Every structure is written in structure tokens, then in C-alpha cells.
Amino acid sequence: MRPKFLMLALVLALMPNGLAAAESPEDLPGWGAARWGMAAGELETALGAAVQPLPGRWLYGGAYADLSVPDVDIGGLAFTAYLQMDETSDRLRQVLLERRRVGATPAAFERLVESLEAAYGEPSQVCAQAKTGGVPLDYHMIWRFPTTIVHAKFLDFSTTAAFSRDPQAGFDPRRAERDVRRNLRRFFPRRILLRFHDARENDLDRGCP
């Protein structure tokens, strides 16, 4: 097996195999009690005290988030959900759930996928991009329903190509280059992302390339 496919093979080996997935539901009307097209006040009423204001407005390119739902439990994993509103209509178009580096591991992604398959059945589409050079590992699973589309992604930007000489280290001709402190792998981002969005939002439905 060529080296550039080793990390991809590791993730594929961790994915559920032979699990008895649930039968796929006919539709998902939204995310929890939230429905696509709700205004902020309607979301606060629907989701109750779980909704918390963000410290400012977070922009997402055509959308923004003022509100979040912290500590969303999926399969025993904690996520933060960001309620993304259309910048033109000020109504809900997507919910983005994110789990950042410390808890974003292949094993955690496996647990997430197990929970999603138990709830929604087999995914409609699976995409995999091997980590090679400066390209991150990207594993993407999609569940499509008439009203809602669900995307689960595992992203690992900790590529060996990102390792470089510390830009803060001064030049010392007496010091061997191998002794110069280098960037550490643990400081590069690794994330698990879960998106629920309105099925009518074609620009959000990015499947396999």
C-alpha cells in the first residue's frame, strides 16, 4: 500500500462494519424542534433554554450565527451547535455542529457514525480523500431526505507537509537545523463537523467531487 493511503486506510478500518443499521426514516423535518425558515425568536421558543447567545455575530459566507446550543450530546459525544441564519431573510438555513481537535479523533467519528446510522440508516453517499502532501484527510458521509440533508465530516489538517521551520526562531549558524524547534502536530486543526440544512439549499449540498 502506498504511504499516502495509510491514514485513509486507518480511518476506513475504524468505520463500522457489519452493523445492523436502522431503516432510514422517510423524512427529517429539521433539526430537533427547529424548522428551516424559523426566525430567531421562533428558534428560542422551539428550543427553549438550551439556546445561548454567542459573543458577537459569527459570519459564514451568506449566513451568520448569533445563537448556539452548547453541549449537544450525540452518541455520548459533546458538540456545539451553531444556528446559521440566512443573511438576507434572517431565517434558519443550516445548523452546524462542531467538535474540535481535543475530542476529534477517528474513534469519536466512528461513534458519531454509529449513532447516525442507528437513527437514519445507511448513508446516501460516502466520500473519502486520502491525506497526502498538503491535502488534509477528508471523510464525508451524507444522508439525504426530502426536507433535510445531513453531512458528517472528519477533517485532519495535520499533514507532514505543514511541518516547517519555526518562523520565530532566530538564525544561528552554530546551531544545527534539526535542533530548531518545529511546529507540533497537535497544534494543527482536526475537526468533526455535522451539518443539518434545508434540502432546498442547493449551494449547501456539496457532495463528492
N, C-alpha and C. Protein backbone atom coordinates (compact mmCIF):
# COMPACT_ATOMS: atom_id res chain seq x y z
N MET A 1 0.86 -1.19 0.00
CA MET A 1 0.00 0.00 0.00
C MET A 1 0.89 1.24 0.00
N ARG A 2 0.64 2.20 -0.86
CA ARG A 2 1.45 3.39 -0.93
C ARG A 2 1.24 4.24 0.33
N PRO A 3 2.30 4.96 0.80
CA PRO A 3 2.21 5.70 2.06
C PRO A 3 1.07 6.69 2.10
N LYS A 4 0.75 7.35 1.00
CA LYS A 4 -0.25 8.41 1.05
C LYS A 4 -1.64 7.87 1.36
N PHE A 5 -1.82 6.55 1.29
CA PHE A 5 -3.13 5.98 1.59
C PHE A 5 -3.18 5.35 2.98
N LEU A 6 -2.08 5.42 3.75
CA LEU A 6 -2.06 4.74 5.03
C LEU A 6 -3.07 5.34 6.01
N MET A 7 -3.13 6.68 6.12
CA MET A 7 -4.05 7.29 7.07
C MET A 7 -5.49 7.03 6.67
N LEU A 8 -5.79 7.10 5.37
CA LEU A 8 -7.14 6.81 4.90
C LEU A 8 -7.53 5.39 5.27
N ALA A 9 -6.61 4.45 5.10
CA ALA A 9 -6.90 3.06 5.44
C ALA A 9 -7.18 2.91 6.92
N LEU A 10 -6.47 3.68 7.76
CA LEU A 10 -6.71 3.62 9.20
C LEU A 10 -8.13 4.04 9.53
N VAL A 11 -8.58 5.15 8.95
CA VAL A 11 -9.94 5.62 9.22
C VAL A 11 -10.97 4.64 8.70
N LEU A 12 -10.74 4.11 7.51
CA LEU A 12 -11.68 3.14 6.95
C LEU A 12 -11.75 1.90 7.84
N ALA A 13 -10.63 1.52 8.43
CA ALA A 13 -10.63 0.35 9.30
C ALA A 13 -11.43 0.60 10.56
N LEU A 14 -11.50 1.87 10.99
CA LEU A 14 -12.23 2.20 12.20
C LEU A 14 -13.72 2.36 11.97
N MET A 15 -14.14 2.47 10.71
CA MET A 15 -15.54 2.70 10.43
C MET A 15 -16.35 1.45 10.75
N PRO A 16 -17.64 1.63 11.10
CA PRO A 16 -18.49 0.47 11.44
C PRO A 16 -18.53 -0.53 10.29
N ASN A 17 -18.49 -1.79 10.63
CA ASN A 17 -18.51 -2.83 9.61
C ASN A 17 -19.49 -3.91 10.05
N GLY A 18 -20.51 -4.15 9.23
CA GLY A 18 -21.43 -5.20 9.54
C GLY A 18 -22.44 -4.84 10.61
N LEU A 19 -22.58 -3.53 10.94
CA LEU A 19 -23.55 -3.14 11.95
C LEU A 19 -24.96 -3.23 11.39
N ALA A 20 -25.90 -3.52 12.24
CA ALA A 20 -27.29 -3.57 11.82
C ALA A 20 -27.86 -2.16 11.86
N ALA A 21 -27.79 -1.44 10.75
CA ALA A 21 -28.26 -0.06 10.70
C ALA A 21 -29.78 -0.03 10.68
N ALA A 22 -30.32 1.06 11.22
CA ALA A 22 -31.77 1.21 11.27
C ALA A 22 -32.32 1.48 9.88
N GLU A 23 -33.59 1.22 9.72
CA GLU A 23 -34.25 1.57 8.47
C GLU A 23 -34.32 3.09 8.38
N SER A 24 -34.01 3.62 7.21
CA SER A 24 -33.99 5.07 7.04
C SER A 24 -35.39 5.66 7.18
N PRO A 25 -35.55 6.73 7.98
CA PRO A 25 -36.87 7.37 8.07
C PRO A 25 -37.24 8.02 6.74
N GLU A 26 -38.52 8.27 6.54
CA GLU A 26 -38.96 8.87 5.28
C GLU A 26 -38.50 10.31 5.15
N ASP A 27 -38.41 11.03 6.28
CA ASP A 27 -38.02 12.44 6.19
C ASP A 27 -37.54 12.93 7.55
N LEU A 28 -36.77 14.02 7.53
CA LEU A 28 -36.41 14.78 8.73
C LEU A 28 -36.96 16.18 8.53
N PRO A 29 -37.85 16.65 9.41
CA PRO A 29 -38.46 17.96 9.21
C PRO A 29 -37.55 19.13 9.54
N GLY A 30 -36.41 18.86 10.19
CA GLY A 30 -35.49 19.93 10.56
C GLY A 30 -34.44 19.38 11.50
N TRP A 31 -33.97 20.22 12.44
CA TRP A 31 -33.02 19.77 13.46
C TRP A 31 -33.72 19.86 14.81
N GLY A 32 -34.00 18.71 15.41
CA GLY A 32 -34.76 18.72 16.65
C GLY A 32 -36.10 19.40 16.45
N ALA A 33 -36.40 20.36 17.34
CA ALA A 33 -37.65 21.11 17.21
C ALA A 33 -37.52 22.30 16.28
N ALA A 34 -36.31 22.56 15.79
CA ALA A 34 -36.10 23.69 14.87
C ALA A 34 -36.54 23.32 13.47
N ARG A 35 -37.11 24.29 12.78
CA ARG A 35 -37.56 24.09 11.40
C ARG A 35 -36.91 25.14 10.51
N TRP A 36 -36.63 24.73 9.28
CA TRP A 36 -35.99 25.63 8.33
C TRP A 36 -36.91 26.82 8.06
N GLY A 37 -36.31 28.00 8.05
CA GLY A 37 -37.08 29.22 7.82
C GLY A 37 -37.55 29.90 9.09
N MET A 38 -37.25 29.31 10.26
CA MET A 38 -37.64 29.96 11.52
C MET A 38 -36.80 31.21 11.76
N ALA A 39 -37.43 32.24 12.34
CA ALA A 39 -36.72 33.43 12.78
C ALA A 39 -36.10 33.17 14.15
N ALA A 40 -35.22 34.07 14.62
CA ALA A 40 -34.51 33.86 15.88
C ALA A 40 -35.47 33.65 17.04
N GLY A 41 -36.50 34.47 17.12
CA GLY A 41 -37.46 34.33 18.21
C GLY A 41 -38.18 33.00 18.19
N GLU A 42 -38.48 32.52 17.00
CA GLU A 42 -39.15 31.21 16.88
C GLU A 42 -38.21 30.08 17.31
N LEU A 43 -36.92 30.23 17.01
CA LEU A 43 -35.95 29.21 17.42
C LEU A 43 -35.81 29.17 18.94
N GLU A 44 -35.79 30.34 19.56
CA GLU A 44 -35.67 30.39 21.01
C GLU A 44 -36.90 29.77 21.68
N THR A 45 -38.05 29.97 21.07
CA THR A 45 -39.27 29.34 21.61
C THR A 45 -39.25 27.84 21.41
N ALA A 46 -38.83 27.39 20.22
CA ALA A 46 -38.83 25.96 19.89
C ALA A 46 -37.79 25.18 20.69
N LEU A 47 -36.61 25.76 20.88
CA LEU A 47 -35.52 25.05 21.53
C LEU A 47 -35.38 25.37 23.01
N GLY A 48 -36.05 26.41 23.46
CA GLY A 48 -36.09 26.73 24.87
C GLY A 48 -34.78 27.21 25.45
N ALA A 49 -34.56 26.85 26.71
CA ALA A 49 -33.40 27.35 27.45
C ALA A 49 -32.07 26.82 26.93
N ALA A 50 -32.09 25.84 26.07
CA ALA A 50 -30.85 25.30 25.51
C ALA A 50 -30.13 26.32 24.64
N VAL A 51 -30.88 27.28 24.07
CA VAL A 51 -30.30 28.28 23.17
C VAL A 51 -29.52 29.31 23.98
N GLN A 52 -28.28 29.58 23.55
CA GLN A 52 -27.43 30.57 24.21
C GLN A 52 -26.92 31.58 23.19
N PRO A 53 -26.81 32.87 23.56
CA PRO A 53 -26.26 33.85 22.62
C PRO A 53 -24.76 33.67 22.47
N LEU A 54 -24.28 33.91 21.26
CA LEU A 54 -22.84 33.89 21.01
C LEU A 54 -22.25 35.26 21.36
N PRO A 55 -20.95 35.32 21.64
CA PRO A 55 -20.31 36.61 21.93
C PRO A 55 -20.06 37.39 20.64
N GLY A 56 -21.11 37.93 20.06
CA GLY A 56 -21.00 38.62 18.78
C GLY A 56 -21.61 37.80 17.67
N ARG A 57 -21.53 38.32 16.46
CA ARG A 57 -22.10 37.64 15.28
C ARG A 57 -20.99 36.92 14.53
N TRP A 58 -21.19 35.64 14.31
CA TRP A 58 -20.22 34.84 13.58
C TRP A 58 -20.68 34.72 12.13
N LEU A 59 -19.80 35.08 11.19
CA LEU A 59 -20.15 35.10 9.77
C LEU A 59 -19.67 33.83 9.08
N TYR A 60 -20.51 33.34 8.14
CA TYR A 60 -20.22 32.08 7.45
C TYR A 60 -20.35 32.19 5.93
N GLY A 61 -20.28 33.37 5.36
CA GLY A 61 -20.39 33.49 3.91
C GLY A 61 -21.79 33.26 3.44
N GLY A 62 -22.63 34.30 3.48
CA GLY A 62 -24.03 34.17 3.11
C GLY A 62 -24.93 33.83 4.28
N ALA A 63 -24.32 33.55 5.43
CA ALA A 63 -25.07 33.21 6.63
C ALA A 63 -24.34 33.77 7.85
N TYR A 64 -25.04 33.80 8.98
CA TYR A 64 -24.43 34.26 10.23
C TYR A 64 -25.06 33.49 11.37
N ALA A 65 -24.39 33.52 12.53
CA ALA A 65 -24.93 32.88 13.73
C ALA A 65 -24.80 33.84 14.90
N ASP A 66 -25.91 34.11 15.55
CA ASP A 66 -25.95 34.86 16.81
C ASP A 66 -26.21 33.93 17.98
N LEU A 67 -26.76 32.74 17.67
CA LEU A 67 -27.23 31.82 18.70
C LEU A 67 -26.55 30.46 18.54
N SER A 68 -26.38 29.78 19.67
CA SER A 68 -25.81 28.44 19.65
C SER A 68 -26.52 27.56 20.67
N VAL A 69 -26.30 26.27 20.55
CA VAL A 69 -26.77 25.31 21.55
C VAL A 69 -25.55 24.51 21.98
N PRO A 70 -24.97 24.83 23.15
CA PRO A 70 -23.77 24.12 23.59
C PRO A 70 -24.09 22.74 24.15
N ASP A 71 -23.08 21.89 24.16
CA ASP A 71 -23.17 20.57 24.80
C ASP A 71 -24.31 19.72 24.25
N VAL A 72 -24.41 19.66 22.93
CA VAL A 72 -25.36 18.74 22.31
C VAL A 72 -24.76 17.35 22.33
N ASP A 73 -25.47 16.38 22.90
CA ASP A 73 -24.97 15.02 23.03
C ASP A 73 -25.43 14.15 21.86
N ILE A 74 -24.47 13.59 21.15
CA ILE A 74 -24.76 12.64 20.07
C ILE A 74 -23.87 11.42 20.28
N GLY A 75 -24.46 10.32 20.62
CA GLY A 75 -23.69 9.10 20.85
C GLY A 75 -22.68 9.23 21.97
N GLY A 76 -22.99 10.05 22.98
CA GLY A 76 -22.06 10.25 24.08
C GLY A 76 -20.98 11.26 23.80
N LEU A 77 -21.03 11.94 22.65
CA LEU A 77 -20.06 12.96 22.27
C LEU A 77 -20.70 14.34 22.39
N ALA A 78 -19.93 15.30 22.89
CA ALA A 78 -20.44 16.67 23.06
C ALA A 78 -20.09 17.52 21.85
N PHE A 79 -21.09 18.18 21.29
CA PHE A 79 -20.92 19.10 20.17
C PHE A 79 -21.49 20.47 20.56
N THR A 80 -21.02 21.50 19.88
CA THR A 80 -21.65 22.81 19.95
C THR A 80 -22.38 23.04 18.63
N ALA A 81 -23.66 23.40 18.72
CA ALA A 81 -24.47 23.63 17.53
C ALA A 81 -24.59 25.13 17.29
N TYR A 82 -24.34 25.56 16.07
CA TYR A 82 -24.46 26.96 15.68
C TYR A 82 -25.66 27.10 14.75
N LEU A 83 -26.59 27.97 15.12
CA LEU A 83 -27.81 28.16 14.33
C LEU A 83 -27.53 29.22 13.27
N GLN A 84 -27.35 28.77 12.05
CA GLN A 84 -26.92 29.67 10.97
C GLN A 84 -28.14 30.22 10.22
N MET A 85 -28.21 31.55 10.19
CA MET A 85 -29.33 32.26 9.59
C MET A 85 -28.94 32.83 8.24
N ASP A 86 -29.87 32.83 7.31
CA ASP A 86 -29.63 33.46 6.01
C ASP A 86 -29.46 34.96 6.21
N GLU A 87 -28.40 35.54 5.63
CA GLU A 87 -28.12 36.95 5.86
C GLU A 87 -29.13 37.88 5.19
N THR A 88 -29.90 37.37 4.26
CA THR A 88 -30.91 38.19 3.58
C THR A 88 -32.26 38.11 4.27
N SER A 89 -32.69 36.90 4.60
CA SER A 89 -34.02 36.72 5.19
C SER A 89 -34.02 36.66 6.71
N ASP A 90 -32.84 36.50 7.33
CA ASP A 90 -32.72 36.35 8.79
C ASP A 90 -33.50 35.14 9.30
N ARG A 91 -33.49 34.08 8.52
CA ARG A 91 -34.20 32.86 8.91
C ARG A 91 -33.26 31.66 8.80
N LEU A 92 -33.56 30.62 9.58
CA LEU A 92 -32.66 29.47 9.70
C LEU A 92 -32.50 28.73 8.38
N ARG A 93 -31.24 28.52 8.00
CA ARG A 93 -30.97 27.73 6.80
C ARG A 93 -30.10 26.51 7.09
N GLN A 94 -29.34 26.53 8.19
CA GLN A 94 -28.47 25.40 8.50
C GLN A 94 -28.13 25.38 9.99
N VAL A 95 -27.91 24.18 10.52
CA VAL A 95 -27.36 24.00 11.86
C VAL A 95 -26.03 23.29 11.72
N LEU A 96 -24.97 23.92 12.21
CA LEU A 96 -23.63 23.35 12.14
C LEU A 96 -23.21 22.91 13.53
N LEU A 97 -22.90 21.62 13.68
CA LEU A 97 -22.41 21.09 14.95
C LEU A 97 -20.94 20.77 14.79
N GLU A 98 -20.14 21.20 15.77
CA GLU A 98 -18.69 21.08 15.62
C GLU A 98 -18.08 20.48 16.88
N ARG A 99 -17.10 19.61 16.65
CA ARG A 99 -16.29 19.04 17.71
C ARG A 99 -14.85 19.26 17.32
N ARG A 100 -14.12 20.05 18.12
CA ARG A 100 -12.78 20.46 17.74
C ARG A 100 -11.70 19.48 18.16
N ARG A 101 -10.47 19.89 18.01
CA ARG A 101 -9.31 19.00 17.99
C ARG A 101 -9.24 18.00 19.13
N VAL A 102 -9.38 18.46 20.39
CA VAL A 102 -9.12 17.57 21.52
C VAL A 102 -9.97 16.30 21.45
N GLY A 103 -11.23 16.45 21.07
CA GLY A 103 -12.11 15.29 21.00
C GLY A 103 -12.39 14.81 19.60
N ALA A 104 -11.70 15.36 18.62
CA ALA A 104 -11.96 14.99 17.22
C ALA A 104 -10.98 13.90 16.79
N THR A 105 -11.31 12.67 17.07
CA THR A 105 -10.45 11.53 16.75
C THR A 105 -11.20 10.57 15.83
N PRO A 106 -10.48 9.70 15.13
CA PRO A 106 -11.17 8.69 14.31
C PRO A 106 -12.15 7.85 15.12
N ALA A 107 -11.79 7.51 16.37
CA ALA A 107 -12.68 6.71 17.20
C ALA A 107 -13.96 7.48 17.52
N ALA A 108 -13.83 8.80 17.77
CA ALA A 108 -15.02 9.62 18.04
C ALA A 108 -15.89 9.71 16.80
N PHE A 109 -15.27 9.81 15.63
CA PHE A 109 -16.05 9.87 14.39
C PHE A 109 -16.79 8.56 14.17
N GLU A 110 -16.15 7.44 14.53
CA GLU A 110 -16.81 6.14 14.42
C GLU A 110 -18.07 6.11 15.30
N ARG A 111 -17.95 6.62 16.52
CA ARG A 111 -19.12 6.65 17.41
C ARG A 111 -20.22 7.53 16.85
N LEU A 112 -19.84 8.66 16.26
CA LEU A 112 -20.83 9.53 15.65
C LEU A 112 -21.55 8.82 14.52
N VAL A 113 -20.80 8.16 13.65
CA VAL A 113 -21.40 7.46 12.51
C VAL A 113 -22.32 6.35 12.99
N GLU A 114 -21.92 5.63 14.02
CA GLU A 114 -22.78 4.59 14.57
C GLU A 114 -24.12 5.17 15.01
N SER A 115 -24.09 6.32 15.67
CA SER A 115 -25.32 6.97 16.13
C SER A 115 -26.17 7.43 14.96
N LEU A 116 -25.53 8.00 13.94
CA LEU A 116 -26.27 8.47 12.78
C LEU A 116 -26.90 7.31 12.01
N GLU A 117 -26.16 6.23 11.86
CA GLU A 117 -26.71 5.08 11.15
C GLU A 117 -27.85 4.44 11.94
N ALA A 118 -27.73 4.45 13.27
CA ALA A 118 -28.81 3.91 14.09
C ALA A 118 -30.07 4.74 13.95
N ALA A 119 -29.90 6.06 13.75
CA ALA A 119 -31.06 6.95 13.64
C ALA A 119 -31.59 7.06 12.22
N TYR A 120 -30.68 7.08 11.23
CA TYR A 120 -31.08 7.43 9.86
C TYR A 120 -30.85 6.32 8.84
N GLY A 121 -30.26 5.20 9.25
CA GLY A 121 -29.98 4.14 8.30
C GLY A 121 -28.67 4.37 7.57
N GLU A 122 -28.46 3.64 6.51
CA GLU A 122 -27.24 3.75 5.73
C GLU A 122 -27.16 5.11 5.05
N PRO A 123 -25.95 5.70 4.95
CA PRO A 123 -25.82 7.00 4.27
C PRO A 123 -26.14 6.89 2.79
N SER A 124 -26.58 8.02 2.23
CA SER A 124 -26.87 8.09 0.80
C SER A 124 -25.60 8.13 -0.03
N GLN A 125 -24.52 8.68 0.55
CA GLN A 125 -23.28 8.87 -0.19
C GLN A 125 -22.11 8.90 0.78
N VAL A 126 -20.98 8.32 0.38
CA VAL A 126 -19.76 8.35 1.19
C VAL A 126 -18.63 8.82 0.29
N CYS A 127 -17.86 9.80 0.77
CA CYS A 127 -16.73 10.33 0.03
C CYS A 127 -15.48 10.21 0.89
N ALA A 128 -14.34 9.91 0.30
CA ALA A 128 -13.09 9.81 1.06
C ALA A 128 -11.96 10.41 0.24
N GLN A 129 -11.16 11.27 0.89
CA GLN A 129 -9.99 11.86 0.26
C GLN A 129 -8.79 11.55 1.14
N ALA A 130 -7.78 10.87 0.58
CA ALA A 130 -6.61 10.49 1.36
C ALA A 130 -5.80 11.72 1.74
N LYS A 131 -5.13 11.63 2.90
CA LYS A 131 -4.24 12.69 3.32
C LYS A 131 -2.90 12.50 2.63
N THR A 132 -2.49 13.49 1.87
CA THR A 132 -1.24 13.39 1.12
C THR A 132 -0.67 14.78 0.92
N GLY A 133 0.63 14.94 1.15
CA GLY A 133 1.25 16.23 1.00
C GLY A 133 0.57 17.28 1.84
N GLY A 134 0.14 18.40 1.22
CA GLY A 134 -0.54 19.45 1.95
C GLY A 134 -2.04 19.29 1.97
N VAL A 135 -2.56 18.18 1.45
CA VAL A 135 -4.00 17.97 1.39
C VAL A 135 -4.47 17.22 2.64
N PRO A 136 -5.46 17.74 3.36
CA PRO A 136 -5.90 17.07 4.58
C PRO A 136 -6.73 15.83 4.29
N LEU A 137 -6.81 14.96 5.28
CA LEU A 137 -7.75 13.85 5.21
C LEU A 137 -9.16 14.40 5.30
N ASP A 138 -10.05 13.95 4.44
CA ASP A 138 -11.44 14.43 4.44
C ASP A 138 -12.33 13.22 4.21
N TYR A 139 -13.07 12.82 5.26
CA TYR A 139 -14.02 11.72 5.14
C TYR A 139 -15.41 12.30 5.31
N HIS A 140 -16.30 12.08 4.36
CA HIS A 140 -17.58 12.80 4.27
C HIS A 140 -18.71 11.80 4.01
N MET A 141 -19.72 11.81 4.88
CA MET A 141 -20.88 10.94 4.72
C MET A 141 -22.13 11.79 4.66
N ILE A 142 -23.09 11.42 3.79
CA ILE A 142 -24.26 12.24 3.53
C ILE A 142 -25.53 11.40 3.63
N TRP A 143 -26.52 11.93 4.33
CA TRP A 143 -27.87 11.35 4.39
C TRP A 143 -28.82 12.36 3.77
N ARG A 144 -29.56 11.99 2.75
CA ARG A 144 -30.46 12.92 2.07
C ARG A 144 -31.92 12.53 2.32
N PHE A 145 -32.71 13.52 2.76
CA PHE A 145 -34.14 13.37 2.98
C PHE A 145 -34.85 14.50 2.24
N PRO A 146 -36.16 14.37 2.00
CA PRO A 146 -36.88 15.41 1.23
C PRO A 146 -36.75 16.80 1.82
N THR A 147 -36.76 16.93 3.16
CA THR A 147 -36.74 18.24 3.80
C THR A 147 -35.36 18.64 4.30
N THR A 148 -34.56 17.68 4.71
CA THR A 148 -33.28 17.96 5.37
C THR A 148 -32.18 17.07 4.80
N ILE A 149 -30.98 17.63 4.69
CA ILE A 149 -29.80 16.87 4.29
C ILE A 149 -28.79 16.94 5.42
N VAL A 150 -28.19 15.79 5.74
CA VAL A 150 -27.25 15.68 6.85
C VAL A 150 -25.87 15.34 6.30
N HIS A 151 -24.86 16.09 6.75
CA HIS A 151 -23.48 15.83 6.35
C HIS A 151 -22.64 15.58 7.60
N ALA A 152 -21.87 14.50 7.62
CA ALA A 152 -20.90 14.23 8.68
C ALA A 152 -19.51 14.22 8.06
N LYS A 153 -18.58 15.01 8.64
CA LYS A 153 -17.24 15.11 8.07
C LYS A 153 -16.19 14.96 9.16
N PHE A 154 -15.12 14.24 8.80
CA PHE A 154 -13.92 14.17 9.64
C PHE A 154 -12.80 14.84 8.86
N LEU A 155 -12.22 15.91 9.42
CA LEU A 155 -11.16 16.66 8.76
C LEU A 155 -9.90 16.61 9.60
N ASP A 156 -8.77 16.27 8.97
CA ASP A 156 -7.49 16.25 9.67
C ASP A 156 -6.48 17.03 8.84
N PHE A 157 -6.10 18.20 9.36
CA PHE A 157 -5.14 19.05 8.65
C PHE A 157 -3.71 18.82 9.10
N SER A 158 -3.48 17.80 9.95
CA SER A 158 -2.15 17.55 10.49
C SER A 158 -1.27 16.82 9.49
N THR A 159 -1.03 17.43 8.36
CA THR A 159 -0.22 16.78 7.34
C THR A 159 1.26 17.00 7.60
N THR A 160 2.07 16.08 7.15
CA THR A 160 3.51 16.25 7.33
C THR A 160 4.02 17.44 6.53
N ALA A 161 3.32 17.85 5.48
CA ALA A 161 3.73 18.99 4.68
C ALA A 161 3.62 20.29 5.46
N ALA A 162 2.83 20.29 6.53
CA ALA A 162 2.65 21.51 7.31
C ALA A 162 3.80 21.73 8.28
N PHE A 163 4.67 20.74 8.44
CA PHE A 163 5.79 20.89 9.34
C PHE A 163 6.85 21.77 8.68
N SER A 164 7.29 22.79 9.36
CA SER A 164 8.25 23.71 8.78
C SER A 164 9.12 24.30 9.88
N ARG A 165 10.13 24.99 9.50
CA ARG A 165 11.00 25.66 10.47
C ARG A 165 10.20 26.71 11.23
N ASP A 166 10.41 26.78 12.52
CA ASP A 166 9.70 27.74 13.35
C ASP A 166 10.02 29.15 12.88
N PRO A 167 9.03 29.92 12.40
CA PRO A 167 9.31 31.27 11.88
C PRO A 167 9.78 32.22 12.98
N GLN A 168 9.58 31.88 14.25
CA GLN A 168 10.00 32.74 15.35
C GLN A 168 11.44 32.44 15.79
N ALA A 169 12.01 31.38 15.28
CA ALA A 169 13.37 31.00 15.69
C ALA A 169 14.39 31.84 14.92
N GLY A 170 15.29 32.48 15.65
CA GLY A 170 16.31 33.28 15.00
C GLY A 170 17.36 32.41 14.34
N PHE A 171 18.11 33.01 13.40
CA PHE A 171 19.13 32.25 12.68
C PHE A 171 20.42 32.22 13.50
N ASP A 172 20.93 31.03 13.72
CA ASP A 172 22.18 30.84 14.46
C ASP A 172 23.02 29.85 13.68
N PRO A 173 24.13 30.32 13.03
CA PRO A 173 24.93 29.41 12.18
C PRO A 173 25.59 28.30 12.97
N ARG A 174 25.66 28.44 14.31
CA ARG A 174 26.29 27.40 15.12
C ARG A 174 25.32 26.30 15.52
N ARG A 175 24.04 26.50 15.20
CA ARG A 175 23.00 25.55 15.63
C ARG A 175 22.53 24.72 14.45
N ALA A 176 22.54 23.42 14.61
CA ALA A 176 22.10 22.53 13.53
C ALA A 176 20.62 22.74 13.25
N GLU A 177 20.24 22.69 11.99
CA GLU A 177 18.85 22.93 11.59
C GLU A 177 17.89 21.95 12.26
N ARG A 178 18.36 20.71 12.46
CA ARG A 178 17.49 19.71 13.09
C ARG A 178 17.15 20.06 14.53
N ASP A 179 17.94 20.96 15.14
CA ASP A 179 17.69 21.34 16.52
C ASP A 179 16.74 22.52 16.65
N VAL A 180 16.42 23.14 15.53
CA VAL A 180 15.50 24.28 15.57
C VAL A 180 14.09 23.76 15.85
N ARG A 181 13.41 24.35 16.82
CA ARG A 181 12.07 23.88 17.18
C ARG A 181 11.14 24.00 15.98
N ARG A 182 10.37 22.97 15.74
CA ARG A 182 9.45 22.94 14.62
C ARG A 182 8.01 22.97 15.10
N ASN A 183 7.10 23.24 14.18
CA ASN A 183 5.69 23.22 14.53
C ASN A 183 5.30 21.82 15.01
N LEU A 184 4.42 21.76 16.00
CA LEU A 184 3.99 20.49 16.55
C LEU A 184 2.66 20.07 15.95
N ARG A 185 2.55 18.78 15.66
CA ARG A 185 1.36 18.24 15.01
C ARG A 185 0.09 18.56 15.80
N ARG A 186 0.18 18.54 17.13
CA ARG A 186 -1.03 18.72 17.92
C ARG A 186 -1.64 20.11 17.80
N PHE A 187 -0.87 21.08 17.24
CA PHE A 187 -1.40 22.42 17.11
C PHE A 187 -2.14 22.63 15.79
N PHE A 188 -2.14 21.64 14.90
CA PHE A 188 -2.88 21.78 13.65
C PHE A 188 -4.29 21.26 13.82
N PRO A 189 -5.25 21.89 13.15
CA PRO A 189 -6.66 21.58 13.44
C PRO A 189 -7.10 20.20 12.97
N ARG A 190 -7.93 19.60 13.79
CA ARG A 190 -8.63 18.37 13.45
C ARG A 190 -10.05 18.56 13.95
N ARG A 191 -11.03 18.30 13.09
CA ARG A 191 -12.41 18.59 13.46
C ARG A 191 -13.37 17.51 12.99
N ILE A 192 -14.44 17.37 13.74
CA ILE A 192 -15.58 16.59 13.31
C ILE A 192 -16.73 17.58 13.15
N LEU A 193 -17.30 17.61 11.95
CA LEU A 193 -18.38 18.55 11.64
C LEU A 193 -19.63 17.77 11.27
N LEU A 194 -20.77 18.25 11.75
CA LEU A 194 -22.06 17.66 11.41
C LEU A 194 -22.98 18.79 11.00
N ARG A 195 -23.50 18.72 9.77
CA ARG A 195 -24.38 19.78 9.26
C ARG A 195 -25.76 19.24 8.95
N PHE A 196 -26.78 19.96 9.40
CA PHE A 196 -28.16 19.72 9.00
C PHE A 196 -28.61 20.97 8.25
N HIS A 197 -29.14 20.81 7.04
CA HIS A 197 -29.58 22.01 6.32
C HIS A 197 -30.82 21.73 5.48
N ASP A 198 -31.45 22.81 5.13
CA ASP A 198 -32.64 22.78 4.29
C ASP A 198 -32.29 22.12 2.95
N ALA A 199 -33.03 21.10 2.57
CA ALA A 199 -32.74 20.38 1.33
C ALA A 199 -32.89 21.27 0.10
N ARG A 200 -33.59 22.39 0.24
CA ARG A 200 -33.74 23.31 -0.90
C ARG A 200 -32.51 24.18 -1.11
N GLU A 201 -31.60 24.19 -0.15
CA GLU A 201 -30.39 25.00 -0.24
C GLU A 201 -29.32 24.24 -1.04
N ASN A 202 -29.41 24.33 -2.35
CA ASN A 202 -28.52 23.56 -3.22
C ASN A 202 -27.04 23.90 -3.02
N ASP A 203 -26.74 25.15 -2.67
CA ASP A 203 -25.35 25.54 -2.51
C ASP A 203 -24.72 24.93 -1.26
N LEU A 204 -25.53 24.41 -0.35
CA LEU A 204 -25.01 23.76 0.85
C LEU A 204 -24.83 22.26 0.67
N ASP A 205 -25.38 21.70 -0.39
CA ASP A 205 -25.34 20.26 -0.61
C ASP A 205 -24.13 19.91 -1.47
N ARG A 206 -22.95 20.01 -0.88
CA ARG A 206 -21.71 19.69 -1.59
C ARG A 206 -21.38 18.23 -1.35
N GLY A 207 -21.60 17.42 -2.37
CA GLY A 207 -21.34 16.00 -2.27
C GLY A 207 -19.91 15.67 -2.68
N CYS A 208 -19.71 14.46 -3.16
CA CYS A 208 -18.38 14.06 -3.60
C CYS A 208 -17.97 14.83 -4.85
N PRO A 209 -16.69 15.22 -4.93
CA PRO A 209 -16.23 15.92 -6.14
C PRO A 209 -16.23 14.99 -7.34
